[in-house]
């Protein structure tokens, strides 16, 4: 490997033929530098691959004691999602206790091609990814996790190998949720899955299929719909599906937000939950216990997931050992009213 040459403002001043103070003012946006001069200095700095001070310090010390968090997409921003807020709090607590600051990248208009650049510019030591939608398979995201210590939280694409991630025990938790419905007497169960990208989405489908198979029930792919973790999309799909007879008496949803959309659609169609159709969600967000009816759901240990991811990232930063790390966090079924009682009982 070649050595890293750090360009400073004196080098830029010499190349541009101006004073050091003029370069400093231009780079920091002071108004008393003529626009033509500022543009010339910025072009020289760019040509010389000048890095801001925080990055230069990082190249020398190897650490900035800052970790970045990318989350959400334009349709499903992390700040609006109840599941993500507790993750952020737990990451902040762990990072702060170890002397790290966190930097949240929340610019939904930024092109993902700039993710790697912005991480280097801000000098973060590592990144936690809590992604939704198409971001999971974005090649620029792959480039990011190949360049910096990176940990995914329950959002890794099924296509990616050799990445660090923390996930819920999705297969086992889904198995028990569906088995609960079967034990209540349901034999035709609709699966409202997430998307066709996330490993978590596929794992929750797998748990659904395993429960059906164990109890000798047919796995019918026509009973698997993809609501893309969206309340609105789940509402639309549910309304379309239940507008015609199908014999389905229960729905297992891959998220609570989709479960709310399912219940809303069923009510609008005149069905009673759980008397006509039982519903189980996944996440156990705060709203679940207060929903009408209160939602039976899989409880994810969100705080533990965030805490584990933060500790994992700090280990990666400190060790730089190249060892891929995974962690699976147990989940449990919380039985409330939406799943109902044993049919015929």
C-alpha atoms as a PDB file:
ATOM      1  CA  UNK A   1       0.000   0.000   0.000  1.00  0.00           C
ATOM      2  CA  UNK A   2       1.177   3.543  -0.755  1.00  0.00           C
ATOM      3  CA  UNK A   3       1.346   6.171   1.945  1.00  0.00           C
ATOM      4  CA  UNK A   4      -1.483   8.684   2.361  1.00  0.00           C
ATOM      5  CA  UNK A   5      -0.503  12.251   1.473  1.00  0.00           C
ATOM      6  CA  UNK A   6      -2.494  14.780   3.476  1.00  0.00           C
ATOM      7  CA  UNK A   7      -3.000  18.068   1.665  1.00  0.00           C
ATOM      8  CA  UNK A   8      -3.295  21.095   3.958  1.00  0.00           C
ATOM      9  CA  UNK A   9      -4.419  24.671   3.334  1.00  0.00           C
ATOM     10  CA  UNK A  10      -0.812  25.871   2.948  1.00  0.00           C
ATOM     11  CA  UNK A  11      -0.418  23.526  -0.019  1.00  0.00           C
ATOM     12  CA  UNK A  12      -3.614  24.872  -1.536  1.00  0.00           C
ATOM     13  CA  UNK A  13      -2.528  28.484  -0.920  1.00  0.00           C
ATOM     14  CA  UNK A  14       0.792  27.864  -2.670  1.00  0.00           C
ATOM     15  CA  UNK A  15      -0.880  26.174  -5.651  1.00  0.00           C
ATOM     16  CA  UNK A  16      -3.549  28.863  -5.932  1.00  0.00           C
ATOM     17  CA  UNK A  17      -1.171  31.788  -5.446  1.00  0.00           C
ATOM     18  CA  UNK A  18      -3.140  33.282  -2.556  1.00  0.00           C
ATOM     19  CA  UNK A  19      -2.627  33.642   1.192  1.00  0.00           C
ATOM     20  CA  UNK A  20      -3.365  30.902   3.722  1.00  0.00           C
ATOM     21  CA  UNK A  21      -6.007  33.103   5.358  1.00  0.00           C
ATOM     22  CA  UNK A  22      -7.784  33.562   2.021  1.00  0.00           C
ATOM     23  CA  UNK A  23      -7.878  29.789   1.510  1.00  0.00           C
ATOM     24  CA  UNK A  24      -9.224  29.284   5.040  1.00  0.00           C
ATOM     25  CA  UNK A  25     -11.945  31.872   4.513  1.00  0.00           C
ATOM     26  CA  UNK A  26     -12.911  30.423   1.123  1.00  0.00           C
ATOM     27  CA  UNK A  27     -13.149  26.874   2.455  1.00  0.00           C
ATOM     28  CA  UNK A  28     -15.239  28.008   5.419  1.00  0.00           C
ATOM     29  CA  UNK A  29     -17.634  30.134   3.384  1.00  0.00           C
ATOM     30  CA  UNK A  30     -16.719  33.617   4.593  1.00  0.00           C
ATOM     31  CA  UNK A  31     -18.463  36.366   2.625  1.00  0.00           C
ATOM     32  CA  UNK A  32     -15.421  38.662   2.266  1.00  0.00           C
ATOM     33  CA  UNK A  33     -13.841  36.417  -0.381  1.00  0.00           C
ATOM     34  CA  UNK A  34     -14.762  37.272  -3.960  1.00  0.00           C
ATOM     35  CA  UNK A  35     -16.873  34.599  -5.620  1.00  0.00           C
ATOM     36  CA  UNK A  36     -14.390  34.172  -8.474  1.00  0.00           C
ATOM     37  CA  UNK A  37     -11.516  33.684  -6.009  1.00  0.00           C
ATOM     38  CA  UNK A  38     -13.543  31.272  -3.906  1.00  0.00           C
ATOM     39  CA  UNK A  39     -14.441  29.209  -6.959  1.00  0.00           C
ATOM     40  CA  UNK A  40     -10.796  29.072  -8.035  1.00  0.00           C
ATOM     41  CA  UNK A  41      -9.680  27.948  -4.552  1.00  0.00           C
ATOM     42  CA  UNK A  42     -12.364  25.296  -4.323  1.00  0.00           C
ATOM     43  CA  UNK A  43     -11.358  23.919  -7.714  1.00  0.00           C
ATOM     44  CA  UNK A  44      -7.709  23.769  -6.656  1.00  0.00           C
ATOM     45  CA  UNK A  45      -8.697  22.027  -3.401  1.00  0.00           C
ATOM     46  CA  UNK A  46     -10.749  19.500  -5.327  1.00  0.00           C
ATOM     47  CA  UNK A  47      -7.948  18.827  -7.810  1.00  0.00           C
ATOM     48  CA  UNK A  48      -5.539  18.245  -4.915  1.00  0.00           C
ATOM     49  CA  UNK A  49      -7.982  15.824  -3.173  1.00  0.00           C
ATOM     50  CA  UNK A  50      -8.131  18.056  -0.135  1.00  0.00           C
ATOM     51  CA  UNK A  51     -10.008  16.522   2.797  1.00  0.00           C
ATOM     52  CA  UNK A  52     -11.695  18.498   5.586  1.00  0.00           C
ATOM     53  CA  UNK A  53      -9.890  18.667   8.912  1.00  0.00           C
ATOM     54  CA  UNK A  54     -11.936  15.965  10.583  1.00  0.00           C
ATOM     55  CA  UNK A  55     -10.921  13.495   7.892  1.00  0.00           C
ATOM     56  CA  UNK A  56      -7.281  14.573   7.986  1.00  0.00           C
ATOM     57  CA  UNK A  57      -7.202  14.015  11.735  1.00  0.00           C
ATOM     58  CA  UNK A  58      -8.779  10.633  11.222  1.00  0.00           C
ATOM     59  CA  UNK A  59      -6.059   9.602   8.779  1.00  0.00           C
ATOM     60  CA  UNK A  60      -3.458  10.429  11.402  1.00  0.00           C
ATOM     61  CA  UNK A  61      -5.154   9.129  14.564  1.00  0.00           C
ATOM     62  CA  UNK A  62      -7.134   6.392  12.784  1.00  0.00           C
ATOM     63  CA  UNK A  63     -10.204   7.281  14.874  1.00  0.00           C
ATOM     64  CA  UNK A  64     -12.728  10.099  15.109  1.00  0.00           C
ATOM     65  CA  UNK A  65     -14.858   8.502  17.856  1.00  0.00           C
ATOM     66  CA  UNK A  66     -17.957   9.049  15.728  1.00  0.00           C
ATOM     67  CA  UNK A  67     -20.271   6.424  14.251  1.00  0.00           C
ATOM     68  CA  UNK A  68     -22.827   7.059  11.527  1.00  0.00           C
ATOM     69  CA  UNK A  69     -26.371   5.753  11.179  1.00  0.00           C
ATOM     70  CA  UNK A  70     -28.177   5.495   7.849  1.00  0.00           C
ATOM     71  CA  UNK A  71     -31.844   4.588   7.938  1.00  0.00           C
ATOM     72  CA  UNK A  72     -35.102   4.737   6.059  1.00  0.00           C
ATOM     73  CA  UNK A  73     -35.919   5.612   2.495  1.00  0.00           C
ATOM     74  CA  UNK A  74     -37.993   8.357   0.928  1.00  0.00           C
ATOM     75  CA  UNK A  75     -41.229   6.445   1.411  1.00  0.00           C
ATOM     76  CA  UNK A  76     -40.638   5.141   4.927  1.00  0.00           C
ATOM     77  CA  UNK A  77     -38.433   7.525   6.891  1.00  0.00           C
ATOM     78  CA  UNK A  78     -36.902   6.119  10.038  1.00  0.00           C
ATOM     79  CA  UNK A  79     -38.027   9.034  12.226  1.00  0.00           C
ATOM     80  CA  UNK A  80     -41.638   8.233  11.283  1.00  0.00           C
ATOM     81  CA  UNK A  81     -41.350   4.526  12.039  1.00  0.00           C
ATOM     82  CA  UNK A  82     -42.011   3.536  15.677  1.00  0.00           C
ATOM     83  CA  UNK A  83     -39.762   0.490  15.335  1.00  0.00           C
ATOM     84  CA  UNK A  84     -36.680   2.559  14.515  1.00  0.00           C
ATOM     85  CA  UNK A  85     -36.845   5.181  17.276  1.00  0.00           C
ATOM     86  CA  UNK A  86     -35.964   2.753  20.072  1.00  0.00           C
ATOM     87  CA  UNK A  87     -33.084   1.359  18.035  1.00  0.00           C
ATOM     88  CA  UNK A  88     -31.627   4.855  17.751  1.00  0.00           C
ATOM     89  CA  UNK A  89     -31.923   5.453  21.496  1.00  0.00           C
ATOM     90  CA  UNK A  90     -30.114   2.233  22.376  1.00  0.00           C
ATOM     91  CA  UNK A  91     -27.317   2.888  19.860  1.00  0.00           C
ATOM     92  CA  UNK A  92     -26.883   6.384  21.300  1.00  0.00           C
ATOM     93  CA  UNK A  93     -26.663   5.034  24.852  1.00  0.00           C
ATOM     94  CA  UNK A  94     -23.997   2.429  24.045  1.00  0.00           C
ATOM     95  CA  UNK A  95     -21.959   4.766  21.846  1.00  0.00           C
ATOM     96  CA  UNK A  96     -22.074   7.585  24.396  1.00  0.00           C
ATOM     97  CA  UNK A  97     -20.973   5.306  27.233  1.00  0.00           C
ATOM     98  CA  UNK A  98     -17.908   4.338  25.181  1.00  0.00           C
ATOM     99  CA  UNK A  99     -17.003   7.951  24.344  1.00  0.00           C
ATOM    100  CA  UNK A 100     -18.488   7.997  20.835  1.00  0.00           C
ATOM    101  CA  UNK A 101     -20.809  10.501  19.202  1.00  0.00           C
ATOM    102  CA  UNK A 102     -23.414   9.395  16.685  1.00  0.00           C
ATOM    103  CA  UNK A 103     -24.116  11.115  13.391  1.00  0.00           C
ATOM    104  CA  UNK A 104     -27.515  10.395  11.834  1.00  0.00           C
ATOM    105  CA  UNK A 105     -27.664  10.668   8.052  1.00  0.00           C
ATOM    106  CA  UNK A 106     -31.284  11.633   7.422  1.00  0.00           C
ATOM    107  CA  UNK A 107     -31.102  13.524   4.110  1.00  0.00           C
ATOM    108  CA  UNK A 108     -33.718  11.643   2.087  1.00  0.00           C
ATOM    109  CA  UNK A 109     -32.822  13.578  -1.087  1.00  0.00           C
ATOM    110  CA  UNK A 110     -29.182  12.542  -1.101  1.00  0.00           C
ATOM    111  CA  UNK A 111     -28.218  10.105  -3.822  1.00  0.00           C
ATOM    112  CA  UNK A 112     -26.797   6.910  -2.374  1.00  0.00           C
ATOM    113  CA  UNK A 113     -23.698   7.356  -4.547  1.00  0.00           C
ATOM    114  CA  UNK A 114     -22.594   9.989  -2.031  1.00  0.00           C
ATOM    115  CA  UNK A 115     -22.898   7.752   1.042  1.00  0.00           C
ATOM    116  CA  UNK A 116     -19.313   6.582   1.003  1.00  0.00           C
ATOM    117  CA  UNK A 117     -18.044  10.096   0.302  1.00  0.00           C
ATOM    118  CA  UNK A 118     -20.084  11.667   3.089  1.00  0.00           C
ATOM    119  CA  UNK A 119     -18.854   9.036   5.556  1.00  0.00           C
ATOM    120  CA  UNK A 120     -15.257   9.868   4.703  1.00  0.00           C
ATOM    121  CA  UNK A 121     -15.889  13.599   4.770  1.00  0.00           C
ATOM    122  CA  UNK A 122     -17.500  13.374   8.205  1.00  0.00           C
ATOM    123  CA  UNK A 123     -14.766  11.047   9.380  1.00  0.00           C
ATOM    124  CA  UNK A 124     -17.006   8.361  10.880  1.00  0.00           C
ATOM    125  CA  UNK A 125     -15.243   5.259  12.168  1.00  0.00           C
ATOM    126  CA  UNK A 126     -18.073   2.924  11.201  1.00  0.00           C
ATOM    127  CA  UNK A 127     -21.720   2.800  10.156  1.00  0.00           C
ATOM    128  CA  UNK A 128     -24.935   1.154  11.310  1.00  0.00           C
ATOM    129  CA  UNK A 129     -27.449   0.517   8.516  1.00  0.00           C
ATOM    130  CA  UNK A 130     -31.193   0.340   9.212  1.00  0.00           C
ATOM    131  CA  UNK A 131     -32.503   0.244   5.676  1.00  0.00           C
ATOM    132  CA  UNK A 132     -35.873  -0.089   3.985  1.00  0.00           C
ATOM    133  CA  UNK A 133     -37.038  -0.481   0.419  1.00  0.00           C
ATOM    134  CA  UNK A 134     -34.631  -0.523  -2.506  1.00  0.00           C
ATOM    135  CA  UNK A 135     -31.722   0.681  -0.380  1.00  0.00           C
ATOM    136  CA  UNK A 136     -31.108  -2.908   0.738  1.00  0.00           C
ATOM    137  CA  UNK A 137     -29.810  -3.939  -2.696  1.00  0.00           C
ATOM    138  CA  UNK A 138     -28.271  -0.631  -3.748  1.00  0.00           C
ATOM    139  CA  UNK A 139     -24.750  -1.225  -5.079  1.00  0.00           C
ATOM    140  CA  UNK A 140     -23.609   1.997  -3.436  1.00  0.00           C
ATOM    141  CA  UNK A 141     -24.648   0.554  -0.082  1.00  0.00           C
ATOM    142  CA  UNK A 142     -22.628  -2.566  -0.853  1.00  0.00           C
ATOM    143  CA  UNK A 143     -19.642  -0.335  -1.636  1.00  0.00           C
ATOM    144  CA  UNK A 144     -20.125   1.384   1.704  1.00  0.00           C
ATOM    145  CA  UNK A 145     -20.071  -1.812   3.750  1.00  0.00           C
ATOM    146  CA  UNK A 146     -17.042  -3.009   1.820  1.00  0.00           C
ATOM    147  CA  UNK A 147     -15.167   0.192   2.714  1.00  0.00           C
ATOM    148  CA  UNK A 148     -15.974   0.782   6.388  1.00  0.00           C
ATOM    149  CA  UNK A 149     -16.840  -1.263   9.483  1.00  0.00           C
ATOM    150  CA  UNK A 150     -20.586  -1.686   9.006  1.00  0.00           C
ATOM    151  CA  UNK A 151     -23.422  -3.457  10.827  1.00  0.00           C
ATOM    152  CA  UNK A 152     -26.953  -4.033   9.538  1.00  0.00           C
ATOM    153  CA  UNK A 153     -29.935  -4.206  11.883  1.00  0.00           C
ATOM    154  CA  UNK A 154     -32.630  -6.589  10.592  1.00  0.00           C
ATOM    155  CA  UNK A 155     -32.395  -5.036   7.140  1.00  0.00           C
ATOM    156  CA  UNK A 156     -29.747  -6.983   5.276  1.00  0.00           C
ATOM    157  CA  UNK A 157     -30.587  -8.244   1.785  1.00  0.00           C
ATOM    158  CA  UNK A 158     -30.870 -12.004   1.370  1.00  0.00           C
ATOM    159  CA  UNK A 159     -28.380 -11.594  -1.515  1.00  0.00           C
ATOM    160  CA  UNK A 160     -25.512 -10.441   0.704  1.00  0.00           C
ATOM    161  CA  UNK A 161     -23.001 -12.761   2.313  1.00  0.00           C
ATOM    162  CA  UNK A 162     -20.107 -11.960   4.614  1.00  0.00           C
ATOM    163  CA  UNK A 163     -21.748  -8.903   6.146  1.00  0.00           C
ATOM    164  CA  UNK A 164     -22.167  -8.066   9.812  1.00  0.00           C
ATOM    165  CA  UNK A 165     -25.750  -8.004  11.066  1.00  0.00           C
ATOM    166  CA  UNK A 166     -28.061  -8.224  14.043  1.00  0.00           C
ATOM    167  CA  UNK A 167     -31.464  -9.794  13.495  1.00  0.00           C
ATOM    168  CA  UNK A 168     -34.502 -11.072  15.315  1.00  0.00           C
ATOM    169  CA  UNK A 169     -35.080 -14.815  15.503  1.00  0.00           C
ATOM    170  CA  UNK A 170     -37.437 -14.391  12.564  1.00  0.00           C
ATOM    171  CA  UNK A 171     -38.012 -17.986  11.465  1.00  0.00           C
ATOM    172  CA  UNK A 172     -38.715 -19.377  14.916  1.00  0.00           C
ATOM    173  CA  UNK A 173     -40.866 -16.416  15.978  1.00  0.00           C
ATOM    174  CA  UNK A 174     -42.966 -16.652  12.815  1.00  0.00           C
ATOM    175  CA  UNK A 175     -43.345 -20.407  13.257  1.00  0.00           C
ATOM    176  CA  UNK A 176     -44.829 -19.934  16.730  1.00  0.00           C
ATOM    177  CA  UNK A 177     -47.143 -17.138  15.578  1.00  0.00           C
ATOM    178  CA  UNK A 178     -48.619 -19.277  12.803  1.00  0.00           C
ATOM    179  CA  UNK A 179     -48.745 -22.364  15.019  1.00  0.00           C
ATOM    180  CA  UNK A 180     -50.806 -20.340  17.499  1.00  0.00           C
ATOM    181  CA  UNK A 181     -53.349 -19.624  14.751  1.00  0.00           C
ATOM    182  CA  UNK A 182     -53.416 -23.288  13.741  1.00  0.00           C
ATOM    183  CA  UNK A 183     -54.009 -24.341  17.345  1.00  0.00           C
ATOM    184  CA  UNK A 184     -56.969 -21.954  17.414  1.00  0.00           C
ATOM    185  CA  UNK A 185     -58.481 -23.927  14.513  1.00  0.00           C
ATOM    186  CA  UNK A 186     -57.382 -21.901  11.454  1.00  0.00           C
ATOM    187  CA  UNK A 187     -56.366 -23.922   8.401  1.00  0.00           C
ATOM    188  CA  UNK A 188     -56.292 -21.274   5.656  1.00  0.00           C
ATOM    189  CA  UNK A 189     -53.973 -18.480   6.765  1.00  0.00           C
ATOM    190  CA  UNK A 190     -52.970 -15.529   4.616  1.00  0.00           C
ATOM    191  CA  UNK A 191     -49.359 -14.355   4.902  1.00  0.00           C
ATOM    192  CA  UNK A 192     -48.868 -10.612   4.455  1.00  0.00           C
ATOM    193  CA  UNK A 193     -45.128 -10.608   3.810  1.00  0.00           C
ATOM    194  CA  UNK A 194     -42.804  -7.621   3.667  1.00  0.00           C
ATOM    195  CA  UNK A 195     -40.851  -7.269   0.452  1.00  0.00           C
ATOM    196  CA  UNK A 196     -38.903  -9.607  -1.795  1.00  0.00           C
ATOM    197  CA  UNK A 197     -35.506  -8.233  -0.803  1.00  0.00           C
ATOM    198  CA  UNK A 198     -34.958  -8.357   2.965  1.00  0.00           C
ATOM    199  CA  UNK A 199     -33.615 -11.508   4.578  1.00  0.00           C
ATOM    200  CA  UNK A 200     -36.066 -10.872   7.441  1.00  0.00           C
ATOM    201  CA  UNK A 201     -38.960 -10.961   4.991  1.00  0.00           C
ATOM    202  CA  UNK A 202     -37.906 -14.321   3.579  1.00  0.00           C
ATOM    203  CA  UNK A 203     -37.240 -15.740   7.053  1.00  0.00           C
ATOM    204  CA  UNK A 204     -40.739 -14.796   8.248  1.00  0.00           C
ATOM    205  CA  UNK A 205     -42.217 -16.515   5.204  1.00  0.00           C
ATOM    206  CA  UNK A 206     -40.097 -19.574   5.972  1.00  0.00           C
ATOM    207  CA  UNK A 207     -41.424 -19.723   9.543  1.00  0.00           C
ATOM    208  CA  UNK A 208     -44.978 -19.498   8.179  1.00  0.00           C
ATOM    209  CA  UNK A 209     -44.327 -22.360   5.757  1.00  0.00           C
ATOM    210  CA  UNK A 210     -42.667 -24.539   8.395  1.00  0.00           C
ATOM    211  CA  UNK A 211     -45.656 -24.215  10.730  1.00  0.00           C
ATOM    212  CA  UNK A 212     -48.094 -25.150   7.974  1.00  0.00           C
ATOM    213  CA  UNK A 213     -45.994 -28.143   6.943  1.00  0.00           C
ATOM    214  CA  UNK A 214     -45.585 -29.402  10.513  1.00  0.00           C
ATOM    215  CA  UNK A 215     -49.360 -29.514  10.905  1.00  0.00           C
ATOM    216  CA  UNK A 216     -50.009 -31.117   7.516  1.00  0.00           C
ATOM    217  CA  UNK A 217     -51.463 -28.006   5.903  1.00  0.00           C
ATOM    218  CA  UNK A 218     -50.897 -27.038   2.267  1.00  0.00           C
ATOM    219  CA  UNK A 219     -48.429 -24.258   1.504  1.00  0.00           C
ATOM    220  CA  UNK A 220     -50.224 -22.190  -1.120  1.00  0.00           C
ATOM    221  CA  UNK A 221     -48.173 -19.389  -2.662  1.00  0.00           C
ATOM    222  CA  UNK A 222     -51.422 -17.642  -3.658  1.00  0.00           C
ATOM    223  CA  UNK A 223     -51.845 -16.969   0.062  1.00  0.00           C
ATOM    224  CA  UNK A 224     -48.592 -15.019   0.274  1.00  0.00           C
ATOM    225  CA  UNK A 225     -48.911 -11.309  -0.520  1.00  0.00           C
ATOM    226  CA  UNK A 226     -46.198  -8.646  -0.366  1.00  0.00           C
ATOM    227  CA  UNK A 227     -47.232  -5.500   1.485  1.00  0.00           C
ATOM    228  CA  UNK A 228     -43.716  -3.993   1.397  1.00  0.00           C
ATOM    229  CA  UNK A 229     -43.928  -3.177   5.129  1.00  0.00           C
ATOM    230  CA  UNK A 230     -46.404  -0.422   4.220  1.00  0.00           C
ATOM    231  CA  UNK A 231     -49.700   0.119   6.043  1.00  0.00           C
ATOM    232  CA  UNK A 232     -51.261   1.591   2.905  1.00  0.00           C
ATOM    233  CA  UNK A 233     -50.108  -1.221   0.617  1.00  0.00           C
ATOM    234  CA  UNK A 234     -51.330  -3.856   3.090  1.00  0.00           C
ATOM    235  CA  UNK A 235     -54.699  -2.106   3.259  1.00  0.00           C
ATOM    236  CA  UNK A 236     -55.062  -2.154  -0.528  1.00  0.00           C
ATOM    237  CA  UNK A 237     -54.004  -5.795  -0.884  1.00  0.00           C
ATOM    238  CA  UNK A 238     -56.301  -6.918   1.931  1.00  0.00           C
ATOM    239  CA  UNK A 239     -59.301  -5.098   0.491  1.00  0.00           C
ATOM    240  CA  UNK A 240     -58.709  -6.673  -2.919  1.00  0.00           C
ATOM    241  CA  UNK A 241     -58.104 -10.173  -1.523  1.00  0.00           C
ATOM    242  CA  UNK A 242     -61.102 -10.327   0.819  1.00  0.00           C
ATOM    243  CA  UNK A 243     -63.485  -8.766  -1.689  1.00  0.00           C
ATOM    244  CA  UNK A 244     -64.024 -12.292  -3.046  1.00  0.00           C
ATOM    245  CA  UNK A 245     -64.615 -15.561  -1.129  1.00  0.00           C
ATOM    246  CA  UNK A 246     -61.504 -17.554  -0.316  1.00  0.00           C
ATOM    247  CA  UNK A 247     -62.054 -19.381   2.942  1.00  0.00           C
ATOM    248  CA  UNK A 248     -59.214 -17.565   4.716  1.00  0.00           C
ATOM    249  CA  UNK A 249     -59.932 -17.040   8.413  1.00  0.00           C
ATOM    250  CA  UNK A 250     -56.623 -15.612   9.660  1.00  0.00           C
ATOM    251  CA  UNK A 251     -53.774 -13.344   8.580  1.00  0.00           C
ATOM    252  CA  UNK A 252     -50.164 -13.330   9.782  1.00  0.00           C
ATOM    253  CA  UNK A 253     -48.475 -10.019   9.000  1.00  0.00           C
ATOM    254  CA  UNK A 254     -44.720  -9.365   8.870  1.00  0.00           C
ATOM    255  CA  UNK A 255     -45.128  -6.019  10.634  1.00  0.00           C
ATOM    256  CA  UNK A 256     -47.526  -4.299  12.999  1.00  0.00           C
ATOM    257  CA  UNK A 257     -47.946  -1.349  10.649  1.00  0.00           C
ATOM    258  CA  UNK A 258     -49.157  -3.716   7.920  1.00  0.00           C
ATOM    259  CA  UNK A 259     -51.389  -5.467  10.461  1.00  0.00           C
ATOM    260  CA  UNK A 260     -53.076  -2.127  11.201  1.00  0.00           C
ATOM    261  CA  UNK A 261     -53.721  -1.671   7.481  1.00  0.00           C
ATOM    262  CA  UNK A 262     -55.117  -5.215   7.299  1.00  0.00           C
ATOM    263  CA  UNK A 263     -57.507  -4.645  10.197  1.00  0.00           C
ATOM    264  CA  UNK A 264     -58.632  -1.293   8.774  1.00  0.00           C
ATOM    265  CA  UNK A 265     -59.415  -2.934   5.427  1.00  0.00           C
ATOM    266  CA  UNK A 266     -61.272  -5.841   7.038  1.00  0.00           C
ATOM    267  CA  UNK A 267     -63.402  -3.431   9.056  1.00  0.00           C
ATOM    268  CA  UNK A 268     -64.188  -1.420   5.934  1.00  0.00           C
ATOM    269  CA  UNK A 269     -65.313  -4.633   4.230  1.00  0.00           C
ATOM    270  CA  UNK A 270     -67.621  -5.446   7.141  1.00  0.00           C
ATOM    271  CA  UNK A 271     -65.537  -8.194   8.755  1.00  0.00           C
ATOM    272  CA  UNK A 272     -65.107  -8.415  12.517  1.00  0.00           C
ATOM    273  CA  UNK A 273     -61.649  -8.955  13.984  1.00  0.00           C
ATOM    274  CA  UNK A 274     -61.120 -11.513  15.457  1.00  0.00           C
ATOM    275  CA  UNK A 275     -64.608 -13.046  15.208  1.00  0.00           C
ATOM    276  CA  UNK A 276     -64.472 -13.382  11.404  1.00  0.00           C
ATOM    277  CA  UNK A 277     -60.770 -12.974  10.685  1.00  0.00           C
ATOM    278  CA  UNK A 278     -57.934 -13.325  13.210  1.00  0.00           C
ATOM    279  CA  UNK A 279     -54.830 -11.150  12.771  1.00  0.00           C
ATOM    280  CA  UNK A 280     -51.297 -11.403  14.159  1.00  0.00           C
ATOM    281  CA  UNK A 281     -48.574  -8.798  13.605  1.00  0.00           C
ATOM    282  CA  UNK A 282     -44.821  -8.603  14.084  1.00  0.00           C
ATOM    283  CA  UNK A 283     -42.786  -5.974  16.021  1.00  0.00           C
ATOM    284  CA  UNK A 284     -44.912  -5.118  19.093  1.00  0.00           C
ATOM    285  CA  UNK A 285     -44.620  -1.375  18.617  1.00  0.00           C
ATOM    286  CA  UNK A 286     -46.206   0.745  21.359  1.00  0.00           C
ATOM    287  CA  UNK A 287     -49.409   1.332  19.407  1.00  0.00           C
ATOM    288  CA  UNK A 288     -50.141  -2.414  19.231  1.00  0.00           C
ATOM    289  CA  UNK A 289     -51.479  -2.764  22.751  1.00  0.00           C
ATOM    290  CA  UNK A 290     -53.812   0.229  22.352  1.00  0.00           C
ATOM    291  CA  UNK A 291     -55.122  -0.644  18.907  1.00  0.00           C
ATOM    292  CA  UNK A 292     -58.717  -1.821  18.481  1.00  0.00           C
ATOM    293  CA  UNK A 293     -58.685  -4.693  18.919  1.00  0.00           C
ATOM    294  CA  UNK A 294     -55.362  -4.919  20.804  1.00  0.00           C
ATOM    295  CA  UNK A 295     -52.936  -6.650  18.462  1.00  0.00           C
ATOM    296  CA  UNK A 296     -51.486 -10.099  19.023  1.00  0.00           C
ATOM    297  CA  UNK A 297     -47.929  -9.750  17.771  1.00  0.00           C
ATOM    298  CA  UNK A 298     -44.339 -10.924  17.916  1.00  0.00           C
ATOM    299  CA  UNK A 299     -42.340  -8.821  20.362  1.00  0.00           C
ATOM    300  CA  UNK A 300     -38.947  -7.782  19.013  1.00  0.00           C
ATOM    301  CA  UNK A 301     -36.381  -6.661  21.574  1.00  0.00           C
ATOM    302  CA  UNK A 302     -35.633  -3.402  19.818  1.00  0.00           C
ATOM    303  CA  UNK A 303     -33.455  -1.934  22.541  1.00  0.00           C
ATOM    304  CA  UNK A 304     -31.374  -5.125  22.722  1.00  0.00           C
ATOM    305  CA  UNK A 305     -30.999  -5.164  18.936  1.00  0.00           C
ATOM    306  CA  UNK A 306     -29.689  -1.600  18.849  1.00  0.00           C
ATOM    307  CA  UNK A 307     -27.443  -2.182  21.837  1.00  0.00           C
ATOM    308  CA  UNK A 308     -26.010  -5.360  20.296  1.00  0.00           C
ATOM    309  CA  UNK A 309     -25.408  -3.662  16.933  1.00  0.00           C
ATOM    310  CA  UNK A 310     -23.596  -0.745  18.564  1.00  0.00           C
ATOM    311  CA  UNK A 311     -21.360  -3.064  20.601  1.00  0.00           C
ATOM    312  CA  UNK A 312     -20.670  -5.153  17.509  1.00  0.00           C
ATOM    313  CA  UNK A 313     -19.677  -2.079  15.501  1.00  0.00           C
ATOM    314  CA  UNK A 314     -17.337  -0.833  18.230  1.00  0.00           C
ATOM    315  CA  UNK A 315     -15.694  -4.276  18.316  1.00  0.00           C
ATOM    316  CA  UNK A 316     -15.191  -4.128  14.552  1.00  0.00           C
ATOM    317  CA  UNK A 317     -13.679  -0.655  14.798  1.00  0.00           C
ATOM    318  CA  UNK A 318     -11.312  -1.637  17.586  1.00  0.00           C
ATOM    319  CA  UNK A 319     -10.243  -5.043  16.297  1.00  0.00           C
ATOM    320  CA  UNK A 320     -10.137  -4.581  12.499  1.00  0.00           C
ATOM    321  CA  UNK A 321      -9.818  -8.391  12.433  1.00  0.00           C
ATOM    322  CA  UNK A 322     -11.949  -8.986   9.333  1.00  0.00           C
ATOM    323  CA  UNK A 323     -14.122 -11.535  11.152  1.00  0.00           C
ATOM    324  CA  UNK A 324     -17.789 -11.433  10.102  1.00  0.00           C
ATOM    325  CA  UNK A 325     -20.134 -11.113  13.068  1.00  0.00           C
ATOM    326  CA  UNK A 326     -23.800 -12.127  13.377  1.00  0.00           C
ATOM    327  CA  UNK A 327     -26.179 -11.962  16.323  1.00  0.00           C
ATOM    328  CA  UNK A 328     -29.715 -13.347  16.614  1.00  0.00           C
ATOM    329  CA  UNK A 329     -32.006 -11.869  19.263  1.00  0.00           C
ATOM    330  CA  UNK A 330     -34.860 -14.003  20.673  1.00  0.00           C
ATOM    331  CA  UNK A 331     -38.470 -12.880  20.168  1.00  0.00           C
ATOM    332  CA  UNK A 332     -41.731 -13.933  21.795  1.00  0.00           C
ATOM    333  CA  UNK A 333     -45.406 -14.018  20.913  1.00  0.00           C
ATOM    334  CA  UNK A 334     -47.584 -11.558  22.845  1.00  0.00           C
ATOM    335  CA  UNK A 335     -51.185 -12.786  22.783  1.00  0.00           C
ATOM    336  CA  UNK A 336     -53.865 -10.089  22.822  1.00  0.00           C
ATOM    337  CA  UNK A 337     -57.396  -9.874  21.420  1.00  0.00           C
ATOM    338  CA  UNK A 338     -56.843  -9.732  17.634  1.00  0.00           C
ATOM    339  CA  UNK A 339     -56.058 -13.447  17.327  1.00  0.00           C
ATOM    340  CA  UNK A 340     -59.262 -14.423  19.142  1.00  0.00           C
ATOM    341  CA  UNK A 341     -60.087 -17.706  20.834  1.00  0.00           C
ATOM    342  CA  UNK A 342     -60.336 -21.291  19.634  1.00  0.00           C
ATOM    343  CA  UNK A 343     -62.782 -21.534  16.746  1.00  0.00           C
ATOM    344  CA  UNK A 344     -65.937 -23.435  17.574  1.00  0.00           C
ATOM    345  CA  UNK A 345     -65.119 -23.044  21.243  1.00  0.00           C
END
